[in-house]
Amino acid sequence: MKRLAIFVSGNGTNMENLLQWIKTGELPAEAALVLSDNPEAYALERARRFGIEPVVVDRKKYESREAFEADVRRHVELKKIDYIVLAGFMRVLSPGFVRAFPERILNIHPSFLPDFPGAHAIRDAFENKVKLSKTGTGVTVHLVTEKVDAGPPILQERVPIKEEDTLDTLEQRIHQVEYRLYPEAIKLLLEGKIKPQKKIP
């Protein structure tokens, strides 16, 4: 069974959803490592509820990005991880780190990439909702490459922006798609069925 490392920084709802899929057997993998750069992340408590003692690698305690990533990498290698799954991990991984795990790092992004890359994708889409009235926004699961939010998509799905949407309601509907799409994409990866650019209209 493939061993996953789940990287988190905040609330951890995507991580919790993945752990639930693993627990029920719908996602045939082992969550061998939960790692956070934030000692205050609520995701740590969520992981413990599933019997997983998370690892904290606090970026603030390291003099450099290189030293921080070296310790992260040590934990990944110690646990013999097959794939790294980013679930709300708010650090941009360096090109050197990405090269160390080629085609083994996944990310979920709350837009239909290449539209709205970056940390504020939902807000950016909401502010452009008139322009996006026909296409909407979406969710993308992609392999991580050296360029941020530019790796080949595994799955993408459109999320309409409704006239009555607030930022909160749009965010909630995007999260609901994320909770379904991310485990499906990881399952494709584990089963060797990755089809980059596969999109759900």
N, C-alpha and C. Protein backbone atom coordinates (compact mmCIF):
# COMPACT_ATOMS: atom_id res chain seq x y z
N MET A 1 0.84 -1.19 0.00
CA MET A 1 0.00 0.00 0.00
C MET A 1 0.88 1.25 0.00
N LYS A 2 0.52 2.21 -0.84
CA LYS A 2 1.31 3.43 -0.96
C LYS A 2 1.18 4.28 0.30
N ARG A 3 2.28 4.93 0.63
CA ARG A 3 2.36 5.73 1.84
C ARG A 3 2.31 7.22 1.48
N LEU A 4 1.35 7.93 2.09
CA LEU A 4 1.16 9.33 1.79
C LEU A 4 1.66 10.19 2.94
N ALA A 5 2.24 11.34 2.58
CA ALA A 5 2.49 12.42 3.53
C ALA A 5 1.53 13.54 3.18
N ILE A 6 0.80 14.03 4.16
CA ILE A 6 -0.13 15.13 3.95
C ILE A 6 0.44 16.36 4.63
N PHE A 7 0.68 17.40 3.85
CA PHE A 7 1.24 18.65 4.37
C PHE A 7 0.09 19.65 4.59
N VAL A 8 0.06 20.28 5.77
CA VAL A 8 -1.01 21.20 6.12
C VAL A 8 -0.44 22.43 6.82
N SER A 9 -1.22 23.51 6.77
CA SER A 9 -0.82 24.73 7.49
C SER A 9 -1.94 25.31 8.35
N GLY A 10 -3.19 24.97 8.06
CA GLY A 10 -4.29 25.66 8.71
C GLY A 10 -5.34 24.76 9.30
N ASN A 11 -6.59 24.96 8.84
CA ASN A 11 -7.73 24.30 9.44
C ASN A 11 -7.77 22.79 9.19
N GLY A 12 -7.36 22.36 8.01
CA GLY A 12 -7.21 20.93 7.76
C GLY A 12 -8.45 20.19 7.31
N THR A 13 -9.42 20.89 6.72
CA THR A 13 -10.64 20.18 6.30
C THR A 13 -10.37 19.24 5.12
N ASN A 14 -9.52 19.66 4.18
CA ASN A 14 -9.20 18.75 3.07
C ASN A 14 -8.43 17.54 3.58
N MET A 15 -7.53 17.74 4.52
CA MET A 15 -6.81 16.62 5.11
C MET A 15 -7.76 15.66 5.81
N GLU A 16 -8.68 16.22 6.60
CA GLU A 16 -9.64 15.38 7.33
C GLU A 16 -10.48 14.56 6.35
N ASN A 17 -10.89 15.17 5.27
CA ASN A 17 -11.66 14.45 4.25
C ASN A 17 -10.86 13.29 3.67
N LEU A 18 -9.59 13.53 3.38
CA LEU A 18 -8.74 12.46 2.84
C LEU A 18 -8.56 11.34 3.86
N LEU A 19 -8.37 11.71 5.12
CA LEU A 19 -8.22 10.68 6.16
C LEU A 19 -9.49 9.85 6.30
N GLN A 20 -10.64 10.48 6.11
CA GLN A 20 -11.90 9.73 6.17
C GLN A 20 -12.01 8.75 5.01
N TRP A 21 -11.60 9.19 3.83
CA TRP A 21 -11.61 8.29 2.66
C TRP A 21 -10.66 7.11 2.89
N ILE A 22 -9.52 7.38 3.49
CA ILE A 22 -8.57 6.31 3.78
C ILE A 22 -9.15 5.35 4.82
N LYS A 23 -9.77 5.91 5.84
CA LYS A 23 -10.34 5.09 6.91
C LYS A 23 -11.40 4.14 6.40
N THR A 24 -12.23 4.59 5.47
CA THR A 24 -13.30 3.74 4.94
C THR A 24 -12.81 2.78 3.87
N GLY A 25 -11.57 2.93 3.43
CA GLY A 25 -11.04 2.06 2.40
C GLY A 25 -11.31 2.52 0.98
N GLU A 26 -12.00 3.67 0.85
CA GLU A 26 -12.29 4.19 -0.49
C GLU A 26 -11.03 4.72 -1.18
N LEU A 27 -10.07 5.13 -0.38
CA LEU A 27 -8.78 5.58 -0.90
C LEU A 27 -7.73 4.61 -0.40
N PRO A 28 -7.22 3.71 -1.28
CA PRO A 28 -6.33 2.64 -0.84
C PRO A 28 -4.91 3.12 -0.61
N ALA A 29 -4.70 3.75 0.54
CA ALA A 29 -3.39 4.30 0.87
C ALA A 29 -3.26 4.35 2.38
N GLU A 30 -2.04 4.63 2.83
CA GLU A 30 -1.78 4.82 4.25
C GLU A 30 -1.33 6.26 4.48
N ALA A 31 -1.96 6.93 5.42
CA ALA A 31 -1.51 8.27 5.80
C ALA A 31 -0.36 8.10 6.79
N ALA A 32 0.83 7.98 6.25
CA ALA A 32 2.00 7.66 7.06
C ALA A 32 2.59 8.88 7.75
N LEU A 33 2.23 10.08 7.28
CA LEU A 33 2.80 11.29 7.87
C LEU A 33 1.83 12.45 7.64
N VAL A 34 1.54 13.17 8.71
CA VAL A 34 0.89 14.49 8.62
C VAL A 34 1.90 15.49 9.13
N LEU A 35 2.24 16.46 8.31
CA LEU A 35 3.29 17.43 8.64
C LEU A 35 2.77 18.85 8.47
N SER A 36 3.05 19.69 9.45
CA SER A 36 2.62 21.08 9.38
C SER A 36 3.79 22.02 9.68
N ASP A 37 3.78 23.15 8.99
CA ASP A 37 4.76 24.20 9.26
C ASP A 37 4.26 25.16 10.34
N ASN A 38 3.03 24.93 10.82
CA ASN A 38 2.38 25.85 11.74
C ASN A 38 1.99 25.12 13.02
N PRO A 39 2.64 25.42 14.14
CA PRO A 39 2.32 24.70 15.39
C PRO A 39 0.93 25.01 15.93
N GLU A 40 0.29 26.06 15.41
CA GLU A 40 -1.05 26.44 15.86
C GLU A 40 -2.15 25.92 14.94
N ALA A 41 -1.81 25.18 13.92
CA ALA A 41 -2.79 24.71 12.94
C ALA A 41 -3.82 23.78 13.61
N TYR A 42 -5.09 24.03 13.35
CA TYR A 42 -6.14 23.16 13.89
C TYR A 42 -6.08 21.78 13.23
N ALA A 43 -5.47 21.71 12.07
CA ALA A 43 -5.29 20.42 11.40
C ALA A 43 -4.58 19.40 12.29
N LEU A 44 -3.74 19.87 13.19
CA LEU A 44 -3.01 18.96 14.09
C LEU A 44 -3.99 18.19 14.97
N GLU A 45 -4.99 18.89 15.49
CA GLU A 45 -6.00 18.25 16.33
C GLU A 45 -6.85 17.29 15.49
N ARG A 46 -7.17 17.70 14.28
CA ARG A 46 -7.94 16.81 13.40
C ARG A 46 -7.19 15.51 13.15
N ALA A 47 -5.88 15.61 12.91
CA ALA A 47 -5.07 14.41 12.66
C ALA A 47 -5.08 13.49 13.87
N ARG A 48 -4.96 14.06 15.06
CA ARG A 48 -4.93 13.25 16.28
C ARG A 48 -6.24 12.48 16.47
N ARG A 49 -7.35 13.06 16.01
CA ARG A 49 -8.64 12.36 16.13
C ARG A 49 -8.65 11.08 15.31
N PHE A 50 -7.79 11.00 14.30
CA PHE A 50 -7.68 9.80 13.47
C PHE A 50 -6.54 8.90 13.95
N GLY A 51 -6.00 9.20 15.11
CA GLY A 51 -4.93 8.37 15.66
C GLY A 51 -3.57 8.64 15.07
N ILE A 52 -3.40 9.78 14.43
CA ILE A 52 -2.13 10.13 13.81
C ILE A 52 -1.47 11.23 14.62
N GLU A 53 -0.24 11.00 15.08
CA GLU A 53 0.48 12.05 15.79
C GLU A 53 1.24 12.88 14.75
N PRO A 54 0.80 14.11 14.52
CA PRO A 54 1.42 14.91 13.46
C PRO A 54 2.81 15.41 13.83
N VAL A 55 3.55 15.77 12.81
CA VAL A 55 4.89 16.33 12.97
C VAL A 55 4.82 17.82 12.66
N VAL A 56 5.40 18.63 13.52
CA VAL A 56 5.47 20.07 13.27
C VAL A 56 6.90 20.46 12.94
N VAL A 57 7.07 21.08 11.79
CA VAL A 57 8.36 21.65 11.40
C VAL A 57 8.11 23.15 11.26
N ASP A 58 8.35 23.88 12.34
CA ASP A 58 7.99 25.30 12.43
C ASP A 58 9.00 26.14 11.65
N ARG A 59 8.52 26.72 10.53
CA ARG A 59 9.42 27.50 9.67
C ARG A 59 10.12 28.62 10.43
N LYS A 60 9.46 29.18 11.43
CA LYS A 60 10.03 30.32 12.16
C LYS A 60 11.27 29.95 12.97
N LYS A 61 11.48 28.67 13.18
CA LYS A 61 12.63 28.23 13.98
C LYS A 61 13.87 27.95 13.13
N TYR A 62 13.76 28.17 11.84
CA TYR A 62 14.87 27.87 10.94
C TYR A 62 15.43 29.17 10.36
N GLU A 63 16.73 29.21 10.24
CA GLU A 63 17.39 30.42 9.75
C GLU A 63 17.19 30.63 8.26
N SER A 64 16.92 29.54 7.54
CA SER A 64 16.79 29.65 6.09
C SER A 64 15.74 28.68 5.58
N ARG A 65 15.27 28.97 4.38
CA ARG A 65 14.34 28.07 3.71
C ARG A 65 14.99 26.72 3.46
N GLU A 66 16.27 26.75 3.14
CA GLU A 66 17.00 25.50 2.85
C GLU A 66 17.03 24.59 4.08
N ALA A 67 17.28 25.19 5.24
CA ALA A 67 17.34 24.39 6.47
C ALA A 67 15.97 23.83 6.82
N PHE A 68 14.94 24.65 6.64
CA PHE A 68 13.56 24.22 6.88
C PHE A 68 13.21 23.04 5.98
N GLU A 69 13.46 23.19 4.68
CA GLU A 69 13.09 22.13 3.74
C GLU A 69 13.94 20.87 3.93
N ALA A 70 15.16 21.03 4.39
CA ALA A 70 16.00 19.86 4.65
C ALA A 70 15.39 19.01 5.76
N ASP A 71 14.84 19.67 6.78
CA ASP A 71 14.20 18.92 7.87
C ASP A 71 12.90 18.29 7.41
N VAL A 72 12.12 19.02 6.59
CA VAL A 72 10.91 18.44 6.03
C VAL A 72 11.25 17.19 5.22
N ARG A 73 12.25 17.32 4.38
CA ARG A 73 12.67 16.19 3.54
C ARG A 73 13.12 15.01 4.39
N ARG A 74 13.79 15.28 5.50
CA ARG A 74 14.25 14.21 6.39
C ARG A 74 13.07 13.40 6.91
N HIS A 75 12.00 14.09 7.30
CA HIS A 75 10.81 13.39 7.81
C HIS A 75 10.15 12.56 6.70
N VAL A 76 10.10 13.10 5.50
CA VAL A 76 9.50 12.38 4.38
C VAL A 76 10.29 11.11 4.08
N GLU A 77 11.60 11.23 4.07
CA GLU A 77 12.44 10.07 3.75
C GLU A 77 12.43 9.05 4.88
N LEU A 78 12.37 9.54 6.12
CA LEU A 78 12.34 8.64 7.27
C LEU A 78 11.10 7.74 7.24
N LYS A 79 9.97 8.30 6.78
CA LYS A 79 8.72 7.55 6.72
C LYS A 79 8.54 6.79 5.41
N LYS A 80 9.55 6.86 4.54
CA LYS A 80 9.49 6.14 3.25
C LYS A 80 8.20 6.47 2.48
N ILE A 81 7.99 7.77 2.29
CA ILE A 81 6.78 8.26 1.67
C ILE A 81 6.81 8.06 0.16
N ASP A 82 5.69 7.63 -0.39
CA ASP A 82 5.58 7.48 -1.85
C ASP A 82 5.11 8.78 -2.51
N TYR A 83 4.11 9.43 -1.90
CA TYR A 83 3.57 10.67 -2.49
C TYR A 83 3.31 11.70 -1.39
N ILE A 84 3.58 12.95 -1.74
CA ILE A 84 3.30 14.08 -0.86
C ILE A 84 2.03 14.77 -1.36
N VAL A 85 1.10 14.97 -0.46
CA VAL A 85 -0.19 15.57 -0.80
C VAL A 85 -0.30 16.90 -0.05
N LEU A 86 -0.36 17.99 -0.79
CA LEU A 86 -0.49 19.31 -0.18
C LEU A 86 -1.97 19.60 0.04
N ALA A 87 -2.34 19.85 1.30
CA ALA A 87 -3.75 20.08 1.64
C ALA A 87 -3.83 21.36 2.47
N GLY A 88 -3.77 22.48 1.77
CA GLY A 88 -3.75 23.75 2.47
C GLY A 88 -2.39 24.05 3.08
N PHE A 89 -1.34 23.63 2.42
CA PHE A 89 0.03 23.92 2.86
C PHE A 89 0.44 25.26 2.25
N MET A 90 0.68 26.24 3.10
CA MET A 90 0.83 27.61 2.63
C MET A 90 2.27 28.04 2.38
N ARG A 91 3.14 27.09 2.16
CA ARG A 91 4.53 27.38 1.79
C ARG A 91 4.76 26.98 0.34
N VAL A 92 5.43 27.83 -0.39
CA VAL A 92 5.84 27.47 -1.75
C VAL A 92 7.11 26.65 -1.65
N LEU A 93 7.06 25.44 -2.17
CA LEU A 93 8.22 24.55 -2.12
C LEU A 93 9.25 24.99 -3.15
N SER A 94 10.51 24.92 -2.77
CA SER A 94 11.58 25.37 -3.65
C SER A 94 11.74 24.42 -4.84
N PRO A 95 12.32 24.91 -5.93
CA PRO A 95 12.60 24.02 -7.07
C PRO A 95 13.42 22.80 -6.67
N GLY A 96 14.37 22.99 -5.76
CA GLY A 96 15.19 21.86 -5.33
C GLY A 96 14.38 20.80 -4.62
N PHE A 97 13.45 21.20 -3.78
CA PHE A 97 12.59 20.23 -3.08
C PHE A 97 11.72 19.49 -4.08
N VAL A 98 11.13 20.23 -5.01
CA VAL A 98 10.26 19.61 -6.01
C VAL A 98 11.05 18.61 -6.86
N ARG A 99 12.24 18.97 -7.23
CA ARG A 99 13.07 18.05 -8.05
C ARG A 99 13.42 16.77 -7.30
N ALA A 100 13.45 16.86 -5.98
CA ALA A 100 13.78 15.67 -5.18
C ALA A 100 12.65 14.63 -5.19
N PHE A 101 11.44 15.08 -5.54
CA PHE A 101 10.27 14.18 -5.56
C PHE A 101 9.51 14.37 -6.88
N PRO A 102 10.13 14.05 -8.00
CA PRO A 102 9.49 14.32 -9.30
C PRO A 102 8.21 13.52 -9.50
N GLU A 103 7.14 14.25 -9.87
CA GLU A 103 5.82 13.67 -10.11
C GLU A 103 5.30 12.90 -8.90
N ARG A 104 5.74 13.34 -7.72
CA ARG A 104 5.30 12.67 -6.48
C ARG A 104 4.66 13.66 -5.51
N ILE A 105 4.43 14.90 -5.95
CA ILE A 105 3.80 15.90 -5.11
C ILE A 105 2.52 16.38 -5.79
N LEU A 106 1.42 16.35 -5.05
CA LEU A 106 0.13 16.81 -5.58
C LEU A 106 -0.35 18.02 -4.81
N ASN A 107 -1.11 18.85 -5.50
CA ASN A 107 -1.72 20.02 -4.87
C ASN A 107 -3.15 20.17 -5.37
N ILE A 108 -3.98 20.78 -4.53
CA ILE A 108 -5.32 21.14 -4.95
C ILE A 108 -5.42 22.65 -4.91
N HIS A 109 -6.01 23.21 -5.97
CA HIS A 109 -6.08 24.66 -6.10
C HIS A 109 -7.52 25.07 -6.38
N PRO A 110 -8.03 26.09 -5.68
CA PRO A 110 -9.45 26.45 -5.81
C PRO A 110 -9.75 27.39 -6.97
N SER A 111 -9.31 26.99 -8.17
CA SER A 111 -9.71 27.68 -9.40
C SER A 111 -9.51 26.71 -10.55
N PHE A 112 -10.01 27.09 -11.71
CA PHE A 112 -9.83 26.28 -12.91
C PHE A 112 -8.56 26.78 -13.58
N LEU A 113 -7.42 26.27 -13.14
CA LEU A 113 -6.14 26.72 -13.68
C LEU A 113 -6.09 26.53 -15.19
N PRO A 114 -5.43 27.45 -15.91
CA PRO A 114 -4.49 28.47 -15.42
C PRO A 114 -5.13 29.76 -14.92
N ASP A 115 -6.46 29.82 -14.83
CA ASP A 115 -7.10 31.02 -14.29
C ASP A 115 -6.82 31.14 -12.79
N PHE A 116 -6.50 32.30 -12.35
CA PHE A 116 -6.38 32.66 -10.94
C PHE A 116 -5.43 31.76 -10.14
N PRO A 117 -4.16 31.74 -10.52
CA PRO A 117 -3.17 31.09 -9.66
C PRO A 117 -2.94 31.93 -8.41
N GLY A 118 -2.20 31.39 -7.46
CA GLY A 118 -1.86 32.16 -6.28
C GLY A 118 -2.75 31.90 -5.09
N ALA A 119 -2.50 32.64 -4.01
CA ALA A 119 -3.09 32.35 -2.71
C ALA A 119 -4.51 32.86 -2.53
N HIS A 120 -5.01 33.70 -3.44
CA HIS A 120 -6.32 34.31 -3.25
C HIS A 120 -7.26 34.00 -4.41
N ALA A 121 -7.23 32.76 -4.86
CA ALA A 121 -7.94 32.38 -6.08
C ALA A 121 -9.45 32.55 -5.96
N ILE A 122 -10.03 32.19 -4.82
CA ILE A 122 -11.49 32.29 -4.68
C ILE A 122 -11.91 33.75 -4.69
N ARG A 123 -11.21 34.57 -3.94
CA ARG A 123 -11.53 35.99 -3.92
C ARG A 123 -11.36 36.62 -5.30
N ASP A 124 -10.27 36.25 -5.97
CA ASP A 124 -10.02 36.82 -7.30
C ASP A 124 -11.13 36.45 -8.28
N ALA A 125 -11.58 35.20 -8.20
CA ALA A 125 -12.66 34.77 -9.09
C ALA A 125 -13.96 35.49 -8.74
N PHE A 126 -14.24 35.62 -7.46
CA PHE A 126 -15.47 36.29 -7.03
C PHE A 126 -15.49 37.75 -7.51
N GLU A 127 -14.37 38.40 -7.44
CA GLU A 127 -14.30 39.80 -7.88
C GLU A 127 -14.44 39.94 -9.39
N ASN A 128 -14.31 38.83 -10.11
CA ASN A 128 -14.48 38.83 -11.56
C ASN A 128 -15.73 38.07 -11.98
N LYS A 129 -16.72 37.98 -11.09
CA LYS A 129 -17.85 37.07 -11.34
C LYS A 129 -18.69 37.49 -12.55
N VAL A 130 -18.76 38.78 -12.86
CA VAL A 130 -19.50 39.19 -14.05
C VAL A 130 -18.82 38.66 -15.30
N LYS A 131 -17.52 38.81 -15.33
CA LYS A 131 -16.73 38.32 -16.46
C LYS A 131 -16.81 36.80 -16.57
N LEU A 132 -16.99 36.11 -15.44
CA LEU A 132 -17.00 34.64 -15.41
C LEU A 132 -18.42 34.07 -15.39
N SER A 133 -19.40 34.87 -15.74
CA SER A 133 -20.79 34.44 -15.62
C SER A 133 -21.11 33.20 -16.44
N LYS A 134 -20.39 33.01 -17.56
CA LYS A 134 -20.65 31.84 -18.41
C LYS A 134 -19.77 30.65 -18.06
N THR A 135 -18.52 30.90 -17.70
CA THR A 135 -17.59 29.80 -17.45
C THR A 135 -17.51 29.42 -15.98
N GLY A 136 -17.70 30.39 -15.09
CA GLY A 136 -17.51 30.11 -13.67
C GLY A 136 -16.04 29.98 -13.31
N THR A 137 -15.81 29.49 -12.12
CA THR A 137 -14.45 29.21 -11.66
C THR A 137 -14.29 27.70 -11.57
N GLY A 138 -13.58 27.18 -10.60
CA GLY A 138 -13.45 25.73 -10.54
C GLY A 138 -12.44 25.25 -9.51
N VAL A 139 -12.08 23.99 -9.66
CA VAL A 139 -11.11 23.33 -8.79
C VAL A 139 -10.15 22.54 -9.67
N THR A 140 -8.88 22.57 -9.33
CA THR A 140 -7.86 21.83 -10.07
C THR A 140 -7.01 21.01 -9.12
N VAL A 141 -6.83 19.74 -9.42
CA VAL A 141 -5.82 18.91 -8.75
C VAL A 141 -4.70 18.71 -9.76
N HIS A 142 -3.49 19.06 -9.34
CA HIS A 142 -2.37 19.01 -10.31
C HIS A 142 -1.10 18.50 -9.65
N LEU A 143 -0.22 17.99 -10.49
CA LEU A 143 1.12 17.65 -10.03
C LEU A 143 1.90 18.94 -9.82
N VAL A 144 2.73 18.95 -8.81
CA VAL A 144 3.52 20.14 -8.49
C VAL A 144 4.81 20.14 -9.29
N THR A 145 5.08 21.28 -9.92
CA THR A 145 6.33 21.48 -10.64
C THR A 145 7.04 22.70 -10.04
N GLU A 146 8.16 23.05 -10.63
CA GLU A 146 8.96 24.13 -10.07
C GLU A 146 8.25 25.48 -10.17
N LYS A 147 7.35 25.64 -11.13
CA LYS A 147 6.60 26.88 -11.27
C LYS A 147 5.28 26.75 -10.52
N VAL A 148 4.96 27.74 -9.71
CA VAL A 148 3.79 27.67 -8.82
C VAL A 148 2.49 27.57 -9.61
N ASP A 149 1.66 26.59 -9.22
CA ASP A 149 0.32 26.38 -9.80
C ASP A 149 0.35 26.20 -11.32
N ALA A 150 1.41 25.59 -11.81
CA ALA A 150 1.55 25.42 -13.26
C ALA A 150 1.76 23.97 -13.67
N GLY A 151 1.71 23.04 -12.73
CA GLY A 151 1.92 21.64 -13.06
C GLY A 151 0.74 21.05 -13.81
N PRO A 152 0.96 19.92 -14.48
CA PRO A 152 -0.11 19.31 -15.28
C PRO A 152 -1.30 18.89 -14.43
N PRO A 153 -2.52 19.28 -14.84
CA PRO A 153 -3.71 18.89 -14.09
C PRO A 153 -3.98 17.39 -14.18
N ILE A 154 -4.46 16.84 -13.09
CA ILE A 154 -4.94 15.46 -13.08
C ILE A 154 -6.45 15.47 -13.28
N LEU A 155 -7.15 16.29 -12.49
CA LEU A 155 -8.59 16.48 -12.66
C LEU A 155 -8.92 17.96 -12.47
N GLN A 156 -9.88 18.42 -13.24
CA GLN A 156 -10.41 19.77 -13.09
C GLN A 156 -11.92 19.72 -13.20
N GLU A 157 -12.57 20.58 -12.45
CA GLU A 157 -14.03 20.65 -12.53
C GLU A 157 -14.48 22.11 -12.39
N ARG A 158 -15.43 22.50 -13.22
CA ARG A 158 -15.98 23.84 -13.16
C ARG A 158 -16.93 24.00 -11.97
N VAL A 159 -16.92 25.19 -11.40
CA VAL A 159 -17.87 25.57 -10.36
C VAL A 159 -18.52 26.87 -10.80
N PRO A 160 -19.83 26.88 -11.02
CA PRO A 160 -20.48 28.10 -11.48
C PRO A 160 -20.45 29.19 -10.41
N ILE A 161 -20.41 30.42 -10.85
CA ILE A 161 -20.57 31.55 -9.94
C ILE A 161 -21.98 32.09 -10.14
N LYS A 162 -22.79 32.01 -9.10
CA LYS A 162 -24.18 32.43 -9.20
C LYS A 162 -24.32 33.92 -8.89
N GLU A 163 -25.34 34.52 -9.49
CA GLU A 163 -25.56 35.95 -9.30
C GLU A 163 -25.73 36.30 -7.82
N GLU A 164 -26.37 35.39 -7.09
CA GLU A 164 -26.64 35.66 -5.68
C GLU A 164 -25.49 35.27 -4.76
N ASP A 165 -24.41 34.73 -5.32
CA ASP A 165 -23.28 34.28 -4.50
C ASP A 165 -22.67 35.41 -3.70
N THR A 166 -22.30 35.10 -2.47
CA THR A 166 -21.36 35.91 -1.70
C THR A 166 -20.02 35.19 -1.76
N LEU A 167 -18.99 35.84 -1.26
CA LEU A 167 -17.69 35.18 -1.23
C LEU A 167 -17.76 33.90 -0.39
N ASP A 168 -18.50 33.94 0.69
CA ASP A 168 -18.62 32.77 1.57
C ASP A 168 -19.36 31.62 0.89
N THR A 169 -20.45 31.91 0.20
CA THR A 169 -21.20 30.82 -0.43
C THR A 169 -20.41 30.20 -1.57
N LEU A 170 -19.70 31.03 -2.31
CA LEU A 170 -18.85 30.50 -3.38
C LEU A 170 -17.75 29.62 -2.80
N GLU A 171 -17.14 30.08 -1.73
CA GLU A 171 -16.08 29.30 -1.09
C GLU A 171 -16.61 27.96 -0.61
N GLN A 172 -17.79 27.94 -0.03
CA GLN A 172 -18.37 26.69 0.46
C GLN A 172 -18.60 25.69 -0.67
N ARG A 173 -19.10 26.18 -1.82
CA ARG A 173 -19.36 25.26 -2.94
C ARG A 173 -18.07 24.76 -3.56
N ILE A 174 -17.05 25.60 -3.59
CA ILE A 174 -15.75 25.16 -4.09
C ILE A 174 -15.18 24.08 -3.17
N HIS A 175 -15.32 24.28 -1.87
CA HIS A 175 -14.80 23.27 -0.94
C HIS A 175 -15.51 21.94 -1.11
N GLN A 176 -16.80 21.96 -1.37
CA GLN A 176 -17.53 20.70 -1.57
C GLN A 176 -17.00 19.93 -2.78
N VAL A 177 -16.65 20.65 -3.83
CA VAL A 177 -16.04 20.00 -5.00
C VAL A 177 -14.66 19.47 -4.65
N GLU A 178 -13.89 20.24 -3.89
CA GLU A 178 -12.55 19.80 -3.48
C GLU A 178 -12.61 18.48 -2.73
N TYR A 179 -13.58 18.36 -1.80
CA TYR A 179 -13.66 17.17 -0.97
C TYR A 179 -13.94 15.91 -1.79
N ARG A 180 -14.56 16.07 -2.94
CA ARG A 180 -14.82 14.92 -3.81
C ARG A 180 -13.69 14.70 -4.81
N LEU A 181 -13.17 15.80 -5.37
CA LEU A 181 -12.22 15.69 -6.46
C LEU A 181 -10.83 15.24 -6.01
N TYR A 182 -10.39 15.73 -4.83
CA TYR A 182 -9.02 15.42 -4.42
C TYR A 182 -8.81 13.92 -4.19
N PRO A 183 -9.66 13.25 -3.41
CA PRO A 183 -9.44 11.81 -3.25
C PRO A 183 -9.58 11.04 -4.55
N GLU A 184 -10.48 11.49 -5.44
CA GLU A 184 -10.60 10.81 -6.73
C GLU A 184 -9.31 10.93 -7.53
N ALA A 185 -8.71 12.11 -7.51
CA ALA A 185 -7.46 12.31 -8.26
C ALA A 185 -6.31 11.50 -7.66
N ILE A 186 -6.25 11.47 -6.34
CA ILE A 186 -5.19 10.68 -5.70
C ILE A 186 -5.36 9.20 -6.03
N LYS A 187 -6.60 8.76 -6.05
CA LYS A 187 -6.86 7.36 -6.40
C LYS A 187 -6.40 7.05 -7.81
N LEU A 188 -6.65 7.96 -8.75
CA LEU A 188 -6.16 7.78 -10.12
C LEU A 188 -4.64 7.65 -10.14
N LEU A 189 -3.98 8.47 -9.36
CA LEU A 189 -2.52 8.43 -9.29
C LEU A 189 -2.04 7.09 -8.75
N LEU A 190 -2.65 6.64 -7.66
CA LEU A 190 -2.23 5.39 -7.03
C LEU A 190 -2.48 4.19 -7.93
N GLU A 191 -3.52 4.27 -8.75
CA GLU A 191 -3.85 3.16 -9.64
C GLU A 191 -3.15 3.25 -10.99
N GLY A 192 -2.27 4.24 -11.13
CA GLY A 192 -1.54 4.40 -12.39
C GLY A 192 -2.42 4.84 -13.55
N LYS A 193 -3.49 5.56 -13.24
CA LYS A 193 -4.45 5.97 -14.26
C LYS A 193 -4.44 7.48 -14.50
N ILE A 194 -3.37 8.13 -14.16
CA ILE A 194 -3.31 9.58 -14.34
C ILE A 194 -3.49 9.93 -15.80
N LYS A 195 -4.39 10.87 -16.03
CA LYS A 195 -4.61 11.38 -17.39
C LYS A 195 -4.56 12.90 -17.31
N PRO A 196 -3.38 13.50 -17.42
CA PRO A 196 -3.29 14.95 -17.33
C PRO A 196 -4.24 15.63 -18.29
N GLN A 197 -4.78 16.76 -17.82
CA GLN A 197 -5.70 17.60 -18.58
C GLN A 197 -7.12 17.04 -18.63
N LYS A 198 -7.40 15.97 -17.87
CA LYS A 198 -8.77 15.47 -17.83
C LYS A 198 -9.65 16.49 -17.12
N LYS A 199 -10.68 16.98 -17.78
CA LYS A 199 -11.52 18.03 -17.22
C LYS A 199 -12.97 17.59 -17.13
N ILE A 200 -13.63 18.03 -16.08
CA ILE A 200 -15.06 17.80 -15.94
C ILE A 200 -15.75 19.13 -16.20
N PRO A 201 -16.54 19.28 -17.26
CA PRO A 201 -17.14 20.58 -17.61
C PRO A 201 -17.98 21.14 -16.47
